[in-house]
Amino acid sequence: QTCALPICFPVTIQRCMVTQSDGKIIAGGDFTSYSGSTASPYLVRINTNGTRDATFTATLNSSVFTAAVQSDGNIIIGGLFTTVNGVTEPRIARVNSTGSRDATFNVGTTGAGSTVRDVKIQSDGKVIAVGDFVAYSGSSSSYIVRINTNGTRDTTFNVGTGLGNAAYNANIQSDGKIITAGAFTTYSGSSNNCIVRINSNGTKDTTFNVGTGLNTNWGGGLNNGISFDSENNTYLASDNLSYSGSFTPRIFKVKDNGTLDTTFNPGIGINRLAIANLVSGSRLYTAGSFTDYQFTGSTGIAMVSDSATLSTSIS
């Protein structure tokens, strides 16, 4: 999940963390050192005891916003960077388990035309990427693209004119459909305020009716965390205060048809920016810059039940 919390990186920002199958953590962000070592510019792997994994030696020239681990252990990264280990890789790349650049993932000399903010890996290994870009490898791709396992653009994913503005987050449902959120108000010419569900072929899923969507006056989908339960209900959290005209203070649940699930009632909700992550299909964790949930002190992190009440099982 995208995160703006300075965890272990003094003065700088850690933007993404993802756990490998062996428990080691890949972390990316704006930092240029970890635990005193300058051999970790913008991307680091952390051992299970918290120390830097010195066997992972990726060197980038600018920030990493997002990372995702493939089933084979290789890692897709996206962000502001334009080189990986001294080789041109404009804003998206794949590195192997040692941090070296994977040359078989060829994004071309232009790669993504601007910042890549989120990447997710499909079950077939293809990559969904969203961000500020309007082109990928020289072809028009307005803020969203699907990438083949060799790094080329997947032309079977036809998004038409794409999103009308930047997308900040995306996630893939178990049925292959994609939900993305951001600052956009249209998708392929149709009105969609800051959130849309897309079929696996790139067309808009019209069965997902978000109504008036997210309130663009509150940053749209900025910093949303998007998670799904086993029934493809969607949990979202952000700095947004409404969904389809209803008051949803920074955390809410959406049914598989796009309507608000009112059984998930956060009341007064969260007092500041939040993201959310559904863990093991049942436990919903939210983290961010908030200091309370439902007027109860809960600084920076909270666990929430399926009825939106604050869990007291963590302190």
C-alpha atoms as a PDB file:
ATOM      1  CA  GLN A   1       0.000   0.000   0.000  1.00  0.00           C
ATOM      2  CA  THR A   2       1.124   3.542  -0.659  1.00  0.00           C
ATOM      3  CA  CYS A   3       2.030   5.170   2.629  1.00  0.00           C
ATOM      4  CA  ALA A   4       3.330   8.551   3.702  1.00  0.00           C
ATOM      5  CA  LEU A   5       4.597   7.471   7.105  1.00  0.00           C
ATOM      6  CA  PRO A   6       8.333   7.948   7.813  1.00  0.00           C
ATOM      7  CA  ILE A   7       9.017   4.426   9.090  1.00  0.00           C
ATOM      8  CA  CYS A   8      12.727   3.774   9.802  1.00  0.00           C
ATOM      9  CA  PHE A   9      13.762   6.471   7.350  1.00  0.00           C
ATOM     10  CA  PRO A  10      14.413   9.730   9.304  1.00  0.00           C
ATOM     11  CA  VAL A  11      13.523  13.002   7.522  1.00  0.00           C
ATOM     12  CA  THR A  12      12.619  11.152   4.330  1.00  0.00           C
ATOM     13  CA  ILE A  13       9.502   9.260   3.227  1.00  0.00           C
ATOM     14  CA  GLN A  14       8.870   5.550   2.878  1.00  0.00           C
ATOM     15  CA  ARG A  15       6.177   5.080   0.210  1.00  0.00           C
ATOM     16  CA  CYS A  16       5.727   1.329  -0.193  1.00  0.00           C
ATOM     17  CA  MET A  17       6.400  -1.932   1.606  1.00  0.00           C
ATOM     18  CA  VAL A  18       5.794  -5.475   0.389  1.00  0.00           C
ATOM     19  CA  THR A  19       6.682  -8.778   2.038  1.00  0.00           C
ATOM     20  CA  GLN A  20       8.437 -11.602   0.213  1.00  0.00           C
ATOM     21  CA  SER A  21       7.485 -15.245   0.756  1.00  0.00           C
ATOM     22  CA  ASP A  22      10.541 -15.641   3.020  1.00  0.00           C
ATOM     23  CA  GLY A  23       9.370 -12.796   5.255  1.00  0.00           C
ATOM     24  CA  LYS A  24      11.912 -10.253   4.062  1.00  0.00           C
ATOM     25  CA  ILE A  25      10.524  -6.795   3.298  1.00  0.00           C
ATOM     26  CA  ILE A  26      11.019  -4.726   0.155  1.00  0.00           C
ATOM     27  CA  ALA A  27      10.660  -1.012   0.955  1.00  0.00           C
ATOM     28  CA  GLY A  28      10.802   1.926  -1.427  1.00  0.00           C
ATOM     29  CA  GLY A  29      10.500   5.675  -1.102  1.00  0.00           C
ATOM     30  CA  ASP A  30      12.377   8.967  -1.125  1.00  0.00           C
ATOM     31  CA  PHE A  31      15.109   7.827   1.280  1.00  0.00           C
ATOM     32  CA  THR A  32      18.778   7.476   0.327  1.00  0.00           C
ATOM     33  CA  SER A  33      19.958   5.415   3.308  1.00  0.00           C
ATOM     34  CA  TYR A  34      18.750   2.748   5.717  1.00  0.00           C
ATOM     35  CA  SER A  35      20.107   2.252   9.220  1.00  0.00           C
ATOM     36  CA  GLY A  36      23.112   4.403   8.351  1.00  0.00           C
ATOM     37  CA  SER A  37      23.972   2.632   5.105  1.00  0.00           C
ATOM     38  CA  THR A  38      23.984   4.770   1.962  1.00  0.00           C
ATOM     39  CA  ALA A  39      23.992   1.615  -0.169  1.00  0.00           C
ATOM     40  CA  SER A  40      20.191   1.697  -0.247  1.00  0.00           C
ATOM     41  CA  PRO A  41      19.150   4.632  -2.441  1.00  0.00           C
ATOM     42  CA  TYR A  42      15.358   4.594  -2.783  1.00  0.00           C
ATOM     43  CA  LEU A  43      14.984   0.794  -2.525  1.00  0.00           C
ATOM     44  CA  VAL A  44      16.047  -1.612   0.211  1.00  0.00           C
ATOM     45  CA  ARG A  45      15.415  -5.169   1.333  1.00  0.00           C
ATOM     46  CA  ILE A  46      15.097  -5.683   5.071  1.00  0.00           C
ATOM     47  CA  ASN A  47      15.813  -8.940   6.874  1.00  0.00           C
ATOM     48  CA  THR A  48      13.244 -10.356   9.288  1.00  0.00           C
ATOM     49  CA  ASN A  49      15.278  -8.965  12.203  1.00  0.00           C
ATOM     50  CA  GLY A  50      15.159  -5.418  10.777  1.00  0.00           C
ATOM     51  CA  THR A  51      18.699  -5.218   9.425  1.00  0.00           C
ATOM     52  CA  ARG A  52      19.482  -4.295   5.826  1.00  0.00           C
ATOM     53  CA  ASP A  53      19.896  -7.256   3.492  1.00  0.00           C
ATOM     54  CA  ALA A  54      23.330  -6.555   1.980  1.00  0.00           C
ATOM     55  CA  THR A  55      22.792  -9.197  -0.738  1.00  0.00           C
ATOM     56  CA  PHE A  56      20.164  -6.935  -2.344  1.00  0.00           C
ATOM     57  CA  THR A  57      21.980  -4.130  -4.176  1.00  0.00           C
ATOM     58  CA  ALA A  58      19.644  -2.134  -6.398  1.00  0.00           C
ATOM     59  CA  THR A  59      20.786   1.433  -7.081  1.00  0.00           C
ATOM     60  CA  LEU A  60      18.230   3.935  -8.405  1.00  0.00           C
ATOM     61  CA  ASN A  61      18.472   7.631  -9.180  1.00  0.00           C
ATOM     62  CA  SER A  62      15.129   8.751  -7.724  1.00  0.00           C
ATOM     63  CA  SER A  63      12.078   7.733  -5.696  1.00  0.00           C
ATOM     64  CA  VAL A  64      10.246   4.403  -5.699  1.00  0.00           C
ATOM     65  CA  PHE A  65       6.490   4.767  -5.149  1.00  0.00           C
ATOM     66  CA  THR A  66       5.334   1.173  -5.516  1.00  0.00           C
ATOM     67  CA  ALA A  67       6.586  -2.416  -5.570  1.00  0.00           C
ATOM     68  CA  ALA A  68       5.085  -5.861  -6.151  1.00  0.00           C
ATOM     69  CA  VAL A  69       6.728  -9.272  -5.822  1.00  0.00           C
ATOM     70  CA  GLN A  70       6.166 -11.855  -8.556  1.00  0.00           C
ATOM     71  CA  SER A  71       5.637 -15.541  -7.806  1.00  0.00           C
ATOM     72  CA  ASP A  72       9.224 -16.227  -8.968  1.00  0.00           C
ATOM     73  CA  GLY A  73      10.634 -13.667  -6.524  1.00  0.00           C
ATOM     74  CA  ASN A  74      11.392 -10.979  -9.084  1.00  0.00           C
ATOM     75  CA  ILE A  75      10.152  -7.514  -8.152  1.00  0.00           C
ATOM     76  CA  ILE A  76       8.264  -4.939 -10.229  1.00  0.00           C
ATOM     77  CA  ILE A  77       8.968  -1.361  -9.128  1.00  0.00           C
ATOM     78  CA  GLY A  78       7.533   1.965 -10.235  1.00  0.00           C
ATOM     79  CA  GLY A  79       8.088   5.596  -9.328  1.00  0.00           C
ATOM     80  CA  LEU A  80      10.039   8.670 -10.388  1.00  0.00           C
ATOM     81  CA  PHE A  81      13.371   6.966 -11.151  1.00  0.00           C
ATOM     82  CA  THR A  82      14.800   6.838 -14.673  1.00  0.00           C
ATOM     83  CA  THR A  83      17.770   4.510 -14.118  1.00  0.00           C
ATOM     84  CA  VAL A  84      18.338   1.214 -12.331  1.00  0.00           C
ATOM     85  CA  ASN A  85      21.945   0.271 -11.627  1.00  0.00           C
ATOM     86  CA  GLY A  86      23.020   2.901 -14.143  1.00  0.00           C
ATOM     87  CA  VAL A  87      20.832   1.642 -17.016  1.00  0.00           C
ATOM     88  CA  THR A  88      17.897   3.641 -18.395  1.00  0.00           C
ATOM     89  CA  GLU A  89      14.589   2.355 -17.001  1.00  0.00           C
ATOM     90  CA  PRO A  90      12.060   5.200 -17.172  1.00  0.00           C
ATOM     91  CA  ARG A  91       9.862   4.953 -14.071  1.00  0.00           C
ATOM     92  CA  ILE A  92       9.129   1.214 -14.189  1.00  0.00           C
ATOM     93  CA  ALA A  93      11.426  -1.803 -14.041  1.00  0.00           C
ATOM     94  CA  ARG A  94      11.851  -5.364 -12.874  1.00  0.00           C
ATOM     95  CA  VAL A  95      14.712  -6.420 -10.622  1.00  0.00           C
ATOM     96  CA  ASN A  96      15.643  -9.930  -9.602  1.00  0.00           C
ATOM     97  CA  SER A  97      16.139 -11.298  -6.096  1.00  0.00           C
ATOM     98  CA  THR A  98      19.637  -9.815  -5.830  1.00  0.00           C
ATOM     99  CA  GLY A  99      18.500  -6.337  -6.906  1.00  0.00           C
ATOM    100  CA  SER A 100      20.083  -6.470 -10.344  1.00  0.00           C
ATOM    101  CA  ARG A 101      18.116  -5.161 -13.300  1.00  0.00           C
ATOM    102  CA  ASP A 102      16.121  -7.784 -15.220  1.00  0.00           C
ATOM    103  CA  ALA A 103      16.924  -7.001 -18.859  1.00  0.00           C
ATOM    104  CA  THR A 104      14.246  -9.432 -20.111  1.00  0.00           C
ATOM    105  CA  PHE A 105      11.632  -6.912 -18.911  1.00  0.00           C
ATOM    106  CA  ASN A 106      12.066  -4.351 -21.674  1.00  0.00           C
ATOM    107  CA  VAL A 107       9.998  -1.171 -21.185  1.00  0.00           C
ATOM    108  CA  GLY A 108      11.691   0.590 -24.110  1.00  0.00           C
ATOM    109  CA  THR A 109      13.739   3.769 -23.995  1.00  0.00           C
ATOM    110  CA  THR A 110      10.785   5.911 -22.890  1.00  0.00           C
ATOM    111  CA  GLY A 111       9.060   3.533 -20.483  1.00  0.00           C
ATOM    112  CA  ALA A 112       6.281   5.264 -18.584  1.00  0.00           C
ATOM    113  CA  GLY A 113       6.053   8.926 -19.572  1.00  0.00           C
ATOM    114  CA  SER A 114       5.655  10.156 -15.988  1.00  0.00           C
ATOM    115  CA  THR A 115       5.378   8.897 -12.404  1.00  0.00           C
ATOM    116  CA  VAL A 116       4.151   5.341 -11.829  1.00  0.00           C
ATOM    117  CA  ARG A 117       2.204   5.373  -8.550  1.00  0.00           C
ATOM    118  CA  ASP A 118       0.963   1.803  -8.226  1.00  0.00           C
ATOM    119  CA  VAL A 119       1.606  -1.613  -9.786  1.00  0.00           C
ATOM    120  CA  LYS A 120      -0.292  -4.849  -9.291  1.00  0.00           C
ATOM    121  CA  ILE A 121       0.489  -8.278 -10.753  1.00  0.00           C
ATOM    122  CA  GLN A 122      -2.261 -10.391 -12.324  1.00  0.00           C
ATOM    123  CA  SER A 123      -2.459 -14.147 -11.844  1.00  0.00           C
ATOM    124  CA  ASP A 124      -1.026 -14.582 -15.372  1.00  0.00           C
ATOM    125  CA  GLY A 125       2.000 -12.424 -14.537  1.00  0.00           C
ATOM    126  CA  LYS A 126       0.903  -9.367 -16.474  1.00  0.00           C
ATOM    127  CA  VAL A 127       1.248  -6.039 -14.675  1.00  0.00           C
ATOM    128  CA  ILE A 128      -1.332  -3.301 -14.154  1.00  0.00           C
ATOM    129  CA  ALA A 129       0.330   0.096 -13.712  1.00  0.00           C
ATOM    130  CA  VAL A 130      -1.332   3.431 -12.914  1.00  0.00           C
ATOM    131  CA  GLY A 131       0.022   6.907 -12.322  1.00  0.00           C
ATOM    132  CA  ASP A 132       0.579  10.316 -13.880  1.00  0.00           C
ATOM    133  CA  PHE A 133       1.727   9.068 -17.289  1.00  0.00           C
ATOM    134  CA  VAL A 134      -0.167   9.468 -20.580  1.00  0.00           C
ATOM    135  CA  ALA A 135       2.137   7.246 -22.642  1.00  0.00           C
ATOM    136  CA  TYR A 136       3.949   3.952 -22.239  1.00  0.00           C
ATOM    137  CA  SER A 137       6.870   2.945 -24.445  1.00  0.00           C
ATOM    138  CA  GLY A 138       5.847   5.562 -27.001  1.00  0.00           C
ATOM    139  CA  SER A 139       2.172   4.550 -27.213  1.00  0.00           C
ATOM    140  CA  SER A 140      -0.738   6.501 -25.764  1.00  0.00           C
ATOM    141  CA  SER A 141      -1.850   5.083 -22.405  1.00  0.00           C
ATOM    142  CA  SER A 142      -3.733   7.627 -20.347  1.00  0.00           C
ATOM    143  CA  TYR A 143      -2.830   6.992 -16.703  1.00  0.00           C
ATOM    144  CA  ILE A 144      -3.309   3.207 -16.876  1.00  0.00           C
ATOM    145  CA  VAL A 145      -1.629   0.408 -18.804  1.00  0.00           C
ATOM    146  CA  ARG A 146      -1.316  -3.360 -18.742  1.00  0.00           C
ATOM    147  CA  ILE A 147       2.157  -4.691 -19.381  1.00  0.00           C
ATOM    148  CA  ASN A 148       3.119  -8.102 -20.725  1.00  0.00           C
ATOM    149  CA  THR A 149       5.589 -10.288 -18.835  1.00  0.00           C
ATOM    150  CA  ASN A 150       8.359  -9.125 -21.204  1.00  0.00           C
ATOM    151  CA  GLY A 151       7.738  -5.425 -20.468  1.00  0.00           C
ATOM    152  CA  THR A 152       5.840  -4.533 -23.654  1.00  0.00           C
ATOM    153  CA  ARG A 153       2.414  -2.884 -23.598  1.00  0.00           C
ATOM    154  CA  ASP A 154      -0.476  -5.345 -23.741  1.00  0.00           C
ATOM    155  CA  THR A 155      -2.509  -4.135 -26.716  1.00  0.00           C
ATOM    156  CA  THR A 156      -5.389  -6.500 -25.869  1.00  0.00           C
ATOM    157  CA  PHE A 157      -6.126  -4.278 -22.858  1.00  0.00           C
ATOM    158  CA  ASN A 158      -8.078  -1.566 -24.670  1.00  0.00           C
ATOM    159  CA  VAL A 159      -8.909   1.340 -22.363  1.00  0.00           C
ATOM    160  CA  GLY A 160     -10.040   3.668 -25.162  1.00  0.00           C
ATOM    161  CA  THR A 161      -9.178   7.217 -24.131  1.00  0.00           C
ATOM    162  CA  GLY A 162      -8.312   5.911 -20.676  1.00  0.00           C
ATOM    163  CA  LEU A 163      -8.619   7.874 -17.465  1.00  0.00           C
ATOM    164  CA  GLY A 164      -9.206  11.616 -17.534  1.00  0.00           C
ATOM    165  CA  ASN A 165      -6.520  12.362 -14.950  1.00  0.00           C
ATOM    166  CA  ALA A 166      -3.973  10.684 -12.712  1.00  0.00           C
ATOM    167  CA  ALA A 167      -4.692   7.412 -10.889  1.00  0.00           C
ATOM    168  CA  TYR A 168      -3.049   6.794  -7.527  1.00  0.00           C
ATOM    169  CA  ASN A 169      -3.983   3.233  -6.651  1.00  0.00           C
ATOM    170  CA  ALA A 170      -5.302   0.058  -8.223  1.00  0.00           C
ATOM    171  CA  ASN A 171      -6.097  -3.474  -7.177  1.00  0.00           C
ATOM    172  CA  ILE A 172      -7.204  -6.648  -8.952  1.00  0.00           C
ATOM    173  CA  GLN A 173     -10.219  -8.694  -7.848  1.00  0.00           C
ATOM    174  CA  SER A 174     -10.212 -12.474  -7.827  1.00  0.00           C
ATOM    175  CA  ASP A 175     -12.264 -12.444 -11.062  1.00  0.00           C
ATOM    176  CA  GLY A 176      -9.608 -10.348 -12.830  1.00  0.00           C
ATOM    177  CA  LYS A 177     -11.507  -7.065 -12.767  1.00  0.00           C
ATOM    178  CA  ILE A 178      -9.544  -3.975 -11.774  1.00  0.00           C
ATOM    179  CA  ILE A 179     -10.583  -1.140  -9.482  1.00  0.00           C
ATOM    180  CA  THR A 180      -8.599   2.071  -9.656  1.00  0.00           C
ATOM    181  CA  ALA A 181      -8.961   5.372  -7.826  1.00  0.00           C
ATOM    182  CA  GLY A 182      -7.453   8.798  -8.382  1.00  0.00           C
ATOM    183  CA  ALA A 183      -8.052  12.375  -9.471  1.00  0.00           C
ATOM    184  CA  PHE A 184      -9.895  11.463 -12.687  1.00  0.00           C
ATOM    185  CA  THR A 185     -13.534  12.293 -13.443  1.00  0.00           C
ATOM    186  CA  THR A 186     -13.894  10.193 -16.612  1.00  0.00           C
ATOM    187  CA  TYR A 187     -12.951   6.779 -17.959  1.00  0.00           C
ATOM    188  CA  SER A 188     -12.915   6.294 -21.721  1.00  0.00           C
ATOM    189  CA  GLY A 189     -15.275   9.256 -22.090  1.00  0.00           C
ATOM    190  CA  SER A 190     -17.790   8.157 -19.429  1.00  0.00           C
ATOM    191  CA  SER A 191     -18.292  10.033 -16.172  1.00  0.00           C
ATOM    192  CA  ASN A 192     -16.567   8.327 -13.227  1.00  0.00           C
ATOM    193  CA  ASN A 193     -15.612  10.509 -10.310  1.00  0.00           C
ATOM    194  CA  CYS A 194     -12.308   9.230  -8.963  1.00  0.00           C
ATOM    195  CA  ILE A 195     -13.174   5.517  -8.951  1.00  0.00           C
ATOM    196  CA  VAL A 196     -13.957   2.948 -11.648  1.00  0.00           C
ATOM    197  CA  ARG A 197     -13.985  -0.820 -12.175  1.00  0.00           C
ATOM    198  CA  ILE A 198     -12.511  -2.099 -15.403  1.00  0.00           C
ATOM    199  CA  ASN A 199     -13.097  -5.447 -17.098  1.00  0.00           C
ATOM    200  CA  SER A 200     -10.108  -7.646 -17.912  1.00  0.00           C
ATOM    201  CA  ASN A 201     -10.240  -6.496 -21.555  1.00  0.00           C
ATOM    202  CA  GLY A 202     -10.001  -2.806 -20.579  1.00  0.00           C
ATOM    203  CA  THR A 203     -13.640  -1.802 -21.000  1.00  0.00           C
ATOM    204  CA  LYS A 204     -15.570  -0.085 -18.223  1.00  0.00           C
ATOM    205  CA  ASP A 205     -17.585  -2.459 -16.032  1.00  0.00           C
ATOM    206  CA  THR A 206     -21.045  -0.887 -16.157  1.00  0.00           C
ATOM    207  CA  THR A 207     -22.357  -3.279 -13.490  1.00  0.00           C
ATOM    208  CA  PHE A 208     -20.221  -1.385 -10.948  1.00  0.00           C
ATOM    209  CA  ASN A 209     -22.340   1.734 -10.420  1.00  0.00           C
ATOM    210  CA  VAL A 210     -20.547   4.242  -8.206  1.00  0.00           C
ATOM    211  CA  GLY A 211     -23.163   6.989  -8.664  1.00  0.00           C
ATOM    212  CA  THR A 212     -21.446  10.329  -8.117  1.00  0.00           C
ATOM    213  CA  GLY A 213     -18.361   8.498  -6.878  1.00  0.00           C
ATOM    214  CA  LEU A 214     -15.816  10.164  -4.656  1.00  0.00           C
ATOM    215  CA  ASN A 215     -15.919  13.873  -3.889  1.00  0.00           C
ATOM    216  CA  THR A 216     -13.375  15.598  -6.122  1.00  0.00           C
ATOM    217  CA  ASN A 217     -13.253  18.556  -3.710  1.00  0.00           C
ATOM    218  CA  TRP A 218     -11.530  16.281  -1.171  1.00  0.00           C
ATOM    219  CA  GLY A 219      -8.704  15.069  -3.338  1.00  0.00           C
ATOM    220  CA  GLY A 220     -10.667  12.417  -5.175  1.00  0.00           C
ATOM    221  CA  GLY A 221      -8.986   9.056  -4.701  1.00  0.00           C
ATOM    222  CA  LEU A 222      -5.762  10.531  -3.379  1.00  0.00           C
ATOM    223  CA  ASN A 223      -3.829   8.001  -1.283  1.00  0.00           C
ATOM    224  CA  ASN A 224      -6.613   5.445  -1.330  1.00  0.00           C
ATOM    225  CA  GLY A 225      -5.907   1.968  -0.094  1.00  0.00           C
ATOM    226  CA  ILE A 226      -8.026  -0.576  -1.983  1.00  0.00           C
ATOM    227  CA  SER A 227      -8.712  -4.044  -0.550  1.00  0.00           C
ATOM    228  CA  PHE A 228     -11.223  -6.811  -1.303  1.00  0.00           C
ATOM    229  CA  ASP A 229     -12.933  -9.474   0.755  1.00  0.00           C
ATOM    230  CA  SER A 230     -13.818 -12.965  -0.472  1.00  0.00           C
ATOM    231  CA  GLU A 231     -17.114 -11.712  -1.936  1.00  0.00           C
ATOM    232  CA  ASN A 232     -15.398  -8.944  -3.948  1.00  0.00           C
ATOM    233  CA  ASN A 233     -16.699  -6.207  -1.688  1.00  0.00           C
ATOM    234  CA  THR A 234     -14.260  -3.310  -1.715  1.00  0.00           C
ATOM    235  CA  TYR A 235     -12.788  -1.490   1.282  1.00  0.00           C
ATOM    236  CA  LEU A 236     -11.340   1.959   0.673  1.00  0.00           C
ATOM    237  CA  ALA A 237      -9.710   4.586   2.841  1.00  0.00           C
ATOM    238  CA  SER A 238      -8.371   8.027   1.948  1.00  0.00           C
ATOM    239  CA  ASP A 239      -8.680  11.693   2.825  1.00  0.00           C
ATOM    240  CA  ASN A 240     -12.112  11.711   1.181  1.00  0.00           C
ATOM    241  CA  LEU A 241     -15.270  12.437   3.153  1.00  0.00           C
ATOM    242  CA  SER A 242     -18.016  11.216   0.835  1.00  0.00           C
ATOM    243  CA  TYR A 243     -18.969   8.435  -1.560  1.00  0.00           C
ATOM    244  CA  SER A 244     -21.908   8.751  -3.953  1.00  0.00           C
ATOM    245  CA  GLY A 245     -23.328  11.571  -1.854  1.00  0.00           C
ATOM    246  CA  SER A 246     -23.119   9.785   1.509  1.00  0.00           C
ATOM    247  CA  PHE A 247     -20.884  10.871   4.369  1.00  0.00           C
ATOM    248  CA  THR A 248     -18.008   8.393   4.538  1.00  0.00           C
ATOM    249  CA  PRO A 249     -15.298   9.854   6.780  1.00  0.00           C
ATOM    250  CA  ARG A 250     -12.137   8.458   5.232  1.00  0.00           C
ATOM    251  CA  ILE A 251     -13.064   4.764   5.367  1.00  0.00           C
ATOM    252  CA  PHE A 252     -15.941   2.867   3.746  1.00  0.00           C
ATOM    253  CA  LYS A 253     -17.079  -0.368   2.121  1.00  0.00           C
ATOM    254  CA  VAL A 254     -18.537  -0.752  -1.361  1.00  0.00           C
ATOM    255  CA  LYS A 255     -20.628  -3.711  -2.511  1.00  0.00           C
ATOM    256  CA  ASP A 256     -19.757  -5.698  -5.621  1.00  0.00           C
ATOM    257  CA  ASN A 257     -22.348  -3.656  -7.564  1.00  0.00           C
ATOM    258  CA  GLY A 258     -20.659  -0.349  -6.639  1.00  0.00           C
ATOM    259  CA  THR A 259     -23.177   0.860  -4.054  1.00  0.00           C
ATOM    260  CA  LEU A 260     -22.204   1.845  -0.531  1.00  0.00           C
ATOM    261  CA  ASP A 261     -22.501  -0.933   2.066  1.00  0.00           C
ATOM    262  CA  THR A 262     -24.223   0.823   4.959  1.00  0.00           C
ATOM    263  CA  THR A 263     -23.749  -2.169   7.287  1.00  0.00           C
ATOM    264  CA  PHE A 264     -20.143  -0.988   7.515  1.00  0.00           C
ATOM    265  CA  ASN A 265     -20.775   2.165   9.517  1.00  0.00           C
ATOM    266  CA  PRO A 266     -17.683   4.040  10.745  1.00  0.00           C
ATOM    267  CA  GLY A 267     -19.759   6.814  12.327  1.00  0.00           C
ATOM    268  CA  ILE A 268     -17.539   9.888  12.636  1.00  0.00           C
ATOM    269  CA  GLY A 269     -14.744   7.754  11.188  1.00  0.00           C
ATOM    270  CA  ILE A 270     -11.104   8.779  11.012  1.00  0.00           C
ATOM    271  CA  ASN A 271      -9.926  12.317  11.708  1.00  0.00           C
ATOM    272  CA  ARG A 272      -7.113  12.456   9.136  1.00  0.00           C
ATOM    273  CA  LEU A 273      -5.678  10.771   6.050  1.00  0.00           C
ATOM    274  CA  ALA A 274      -5.822   6.970   6.025  1.00  0.00           C
ATOM    275  CA  ILE A 275      -5.129   3.951   3.872  1.00  0.00           C
ATOM    276  CA  ALA A 276      -6.564   0.485   4.379  1.00  0.00           C
ATOM    277  CA  ASN A 277      -5.477  -3.103   3.949  1.00  0.00           C
ATOM    278  CA  LEU A 278      -7.602  -6.210   4.426  1.00  0.00           C
ATOM    279  CA  VAL A 279      -5.437  -8.942   5.931  1.00  0.00           C
ATOM    280  CA  SER A 280      -6.184 -12.670   5.523  1.00  0.00           C
ATOM    281  CA  GLY A 281      -9.659 -11.875   4.239  1.00  0.00           C
ATOM    282  CA  SER A 282     -10.987 -10.790   7.617  1.00  0.00           C
ATOM    283  CA  ARG A 283      -8.959  -8.232   9.538  1.00  0.00           C
ATOM    284  CA  LEU A 284      -9.082  -4.673   8.209  1.00  0.00           C
ATOM    285  CA  TYR A 285      -6.125  -2.564   9.210  1.00  0.00           C
ATOM    286  CA  THR A 286      -5.925   1.142   8.483  1.00  0.00           C
ATOM    287  CA  ALA A 287      -2.881   3.359   8.847  1.00  0.00           C
ATOM    288  CA  GLY A 288      -2.103   7.001   8.202  1.00  0.00           C
ATOM    289  CA  SER A 289      -1.637  10.386   9.838  1.00  0.00           C
ATOM    290  CA  PHE A 290      -4.790  10.139  11.987  1.00  0.00           C
ATOM    291  CA  THR A 291      -4.849  10.317  15.787  1.00  0.00           C
ATOM    292  CA  ASP A 292      -8.281   8.861  16.500  1.00  0.00           C
ATOM    293  CA  TYR A 293     -11.012   6.583  15.147  1.00  0.00           C
ATOM    294  CA  GLN A 294     -14.616   7.248  16.204  1.00  0.00           C
ATOM    295  CA  PHE A 295     -13.258   9.737  18.798  1.00  0.00           C
ATOM    296  CA  THR A 296     -11.121   6.995  20.336  1.00  0.00           C
ATOM    297  CA  GLY A 297      -7.378   7.605  20.498  1.00  0.00           C
ATOM    298  CA  SER A 298      -5.685   5.425  17.889  1.00  0.00           C
ATOM    299  CA  THR A 299      -2.561   7.122  16.617  1.00  0.00           C
ATOM    300  CA  GLY A 300      -1.483   6.115  13.133  1.00  0.00           C
ATOM    301  CA  ILE A 301      -2.879   2.569  13.041  1.00  0.00           C
ATOM    302  CA  ALA A 302      -6.125   0.797  13.894  1.00  0.00           C
ATOM    303  CA  MET A 303      -7.800  -2.572  13.369  1.00  0.00           C
ATOM    304  CA  VAL A 304     -11.460  -2.383  12.394  1.00  0.00           C
ATOM    305  CA  SER A 305     -14.152  -5.084  12.507  1.00  0.00           C
ATOM    306  CA  ASP A 306     -16.490  -5.944   9.617  1.00  0.00           C
ATOM    307  CA  SER A 307     -19.102  -3.675  11.238  1.00  0.00           C
ATOM    308  CA  ALA A 308     -16.580  -0.789  11.303  1.00  0.00           C
ATOM    309  CA  THR A 309     -16.104  -0.758  15.069  1.00  0.00           C
ATOM    310  CA  LEU A 310     -12.623  -0.266  16.474  1.00  0.00           C
ATOM    311  CA  SER A 311     -11.049  -3.491  17.666  1.00  0.00           C
ATOM    312  CA  THR A 312      -9.544  -3.411  21.128  1.00  0.00           C
ATOM    313  CA  SER A 313      -7.513  -6.578  20.525  1.00  0.00           C
ATOM    314  CA  ILE A 314      -4.544  -4.429  19.509  1.00  0.00           C
ATOM    315  CA  SER A 315      -3.291  -1.466  21.508  1.00  0.00           C
END
